Amino acid sequence: MDDDPALLSMLEAQLQPWGFQVTTLADSSQFWQYLEATTPDLLLLDVAMPGFSGIGLVFLYTNMVTANYYF
């Protein structure tokens, strides 16, 4: 997840040839909808985004998992 479309495109281009299924998100508000629909093996998050930063999302997600809240 990153607010820079060029970086998202670059990451996708670099990871897909290695067999990774890549889903890019450009807006932190899409994060929760994405987690409700799938269970990712890896998240790459921008630490400085408008709205929630990647660090803030990890903090919230970790607290939800610790409290046994499942998507």
C-alpha atoms as a PDB file:
ATOM      1  CA  MET A   1       0.000   0.000   0.000  1.00  0.00           C
ATOM      2  CA  ASP A   2       1.394   3.323  -1.072  1.00  0.00           C
ATOM      3  CA  ASP A   3       0.042   6.663  -2.238  1.00  0.00           C
ATOM      4  CA  ASP A   4       2.631   6.828  -5.046  1.00  0.00           C
ATOM      5  CA  PRO A   5       1.228   5.104  -8.180  1.00  0.00           C
ATOM      6  CA  ALA A   6       4.699   4.863  -9.754  1.00  0.00           C
ATOM      7  CA  LEU A   7       6.020   2.935  -6.754  1.00  0.00           C
ATOM      8  CA  LEU A   8       2.998   0.617  -6.776  1.00  0.00           C
ATOM      9  CA  SER A   9       3.587  -0.140 -10.465  1.00  0.00           C
ATOM     10  CA  MET A  10       7.275  -0.763  -9.866  1.00  0.00           C
ATOM     11  CA  LEU A  11       6.615  -3.149  -6.971  1.00  0.00           C
ATOM     12  CA  GLU A  12       4.063  -5.058  -9.018  1.00  0.00           C
ATOM     13  CA  ALA A  13       6.454  -5.315 -11.990  1.00  0.00           C
ATOM     14  CA  GLN A  14       9.276  -6.552  -9.736  1.00  0.00           C
ATOM     15  CA  LEU A  15       7.289  -9.117  -7.726  1.00  0.00           C
ATOM     16  CA  GLN A  16       4.943 -10.717 -10.279  1.00  0.00           C
ATOM     17  CA  PRO A  17       7.714 -12.360 -12.358  1.00  0.00           C
ATOM     18  CA  TRP A  18       8.745 -14.206  -9.190  1.00  0.00           C
ATOM     19  CA  GLY A  19       5.266 -15.719  -8.915  1.00  0.00           C
ATOM     20  CA  PHE A  20       3.839 -13.369  -6.317  1.00  0.00           C
ATOM     21  CA  GLN A  21       0.188 -12.416  -6.619  1.00  0.00           C
ATOM     22  CA  VAL A  22       0.273  -8.650  -6.066  1.00  0.00           C
ATOM     23  CA  THR A  23      -2.632  -6.467  -4.995  1.00  0.00           C
ATOM     24  CA  THR A  24      -1.885  -2.778  -4.761  1.00  0.00           C
ATOM     25  CA  LEU A  25      -3.821  -0.263  -2.694  1.00  0.00           C
ATOM     26  CA  ALA A  26      -3.363   3.470  -3.134  1.00  0.00           C
ATOM     27  CA  ASP A  27      -5.541   4.591  -0.222  1.00  0.00           C
ATOM     28  CA  SER A  28      -5.361   3.508   3.425  1.00  0.00           C
ATOM     29  CA  SER A  29      -9.165   3.468   3.608  1.00  0.00           C
ATOM     30  CA  GLN A  30      -9.111   0.436   1.273  1.00  0.00           C
ATOM     31  CA  PHE A  31      -7.026  -1.569   3.754  1.00  0.00           C
ATOM     32  CA  TRP A  32      -9.881  -2.842   5.929  1.00  0.00           C
ATOM     33  CA  GLN A  33     -12.046  -3.811   2.943  1.00  0.00           C
ATOM     34  CA  TYR A  34      -9.111  -5.739   1.534  1.00  0.00           C
ATOM     35  CA  LEU A  35      -8.543  -7.622   4.804  1.00  0.00           C
ATOM     36  CA  GLU A  36     -12.220  -8.561   4.976  1.00  0.00           C
ATOM     37  CA  ALA A  37     -11.970 -10.127   1.507  1.00  0.00           C
ATOM     38  CA  THR A  38      -8.634 -11.962   1.771  1.00  0.00           C
ATOM     39  CA  THR A  39      -5.855 -13.125   4.072  1.00  0.00           C
ATOM     40  CA  PRO A  40      -2.534 -11.842   2.718  1.00  0.00           C
ATOM     41  CA  ASP A  41       0.740 -13.601   3.404  1.00  0.00           C
ATOM     42  CA  LEU A  42       2.672 -10.333   3.330  1.00  0.00           C
ATOM     43  CA  LEU A  43       1.846  -6.648   3.610  1.00  0.00           C
ATOM     44  CA  LEU A  44       4.113  -3.873   2.344  1.00  0.00           C
ATOM     45  CA  LEU A  45       2.926  -0.580   3.828  1.00  0.00           C
ATOM     46  CA  ASP A  46       4.018   3.018   3.313  1.00  0.00           C
ATOM     47  CA  VAL A  47       4.933   4.588   6.648  1.00  0.00           C
ATOM     48  CA  ALA A  48       3.927   8.112   5.557  1.00  0.00           C
ATOM     49  CA  MET A  49       0.508   8.177   3.894  1.00  0.00           C
ATOM     50  CA  PRO A  50      -2.445  10.539   4.173  1.00  0.00           C
ATOM     51  CA  GLY A  51      -4.998   9.209   6.647  1.00  0.00           C
ATOM     52  CA  PHE A  52      -3.530   6.203   8.450  1.00  0.00           C
ATOM     53  CA  SER A  53       0.165   5.557   8.050  1.00  0.00           C
ATOM     54  CA  GLY A  54       1.451   2.028   7.586  1.00  0.00           C
ATOM     55  CA  ILE A  55       2.687   2.045  11.174  1.00  0.00           C
ATOM     56  CA  GLY A  56      -0.748   3.097  12.446  1.00  0.00           C
ATOM     57  CA  LEU A  57      -2.450   0.347  10.424  1.00  0.00           C
ATOM     58  CA  VAL A  58      -0.073  -2.289  11.775  1.00  0.00           C
ATOM     59  CA  PHE A  59      -0.735  -1.079  15.324  1.00  0.00           C
ATOM     60  CA  LEU A  60      -4.524  -1.279  14.838  1.00  0.00           C
ATOM     61  CA  TYR A  61      -4.366  -4.623  13.043  1.00  0.00           C
ATOM     62  CA  THR A  62      -2.139  -6.144  15.741  1.00  0.00           C
ATOM     63  CA  ASN A  63      -4.509  -4.978  18.468  1.00  0.00           C
ATOM     64  CA  MET A  64      -7.495  -6.455  16.622  1.00  0.00           C
ATOM     65  CA  VAL A  65      -5.765  -9.820  16.177  1.00  0.00           C
ATOM     66  CA  THR A  66      -4.679  -9.815  19.826  1.00  0.00           C
ATOM     67  CA  ALA A  67      -8.283  -9.128  20.869  1.00  0.00           C
ATOM     68  CA  ASN A  68      -9.402 -12.088  18.677  1.00  0.00           C
ATOM     69  CA  TYR A  69     -11.280  -9.875  16.236  1.00  0.00           C
ATOM     70  CA  TYR A  70     -11.344 -11.688  12.936  1.00  0.00           C
ATOM     71  CA  PHE A  71     -12.213 -10.256   9.570  1.00  0.00           C
END
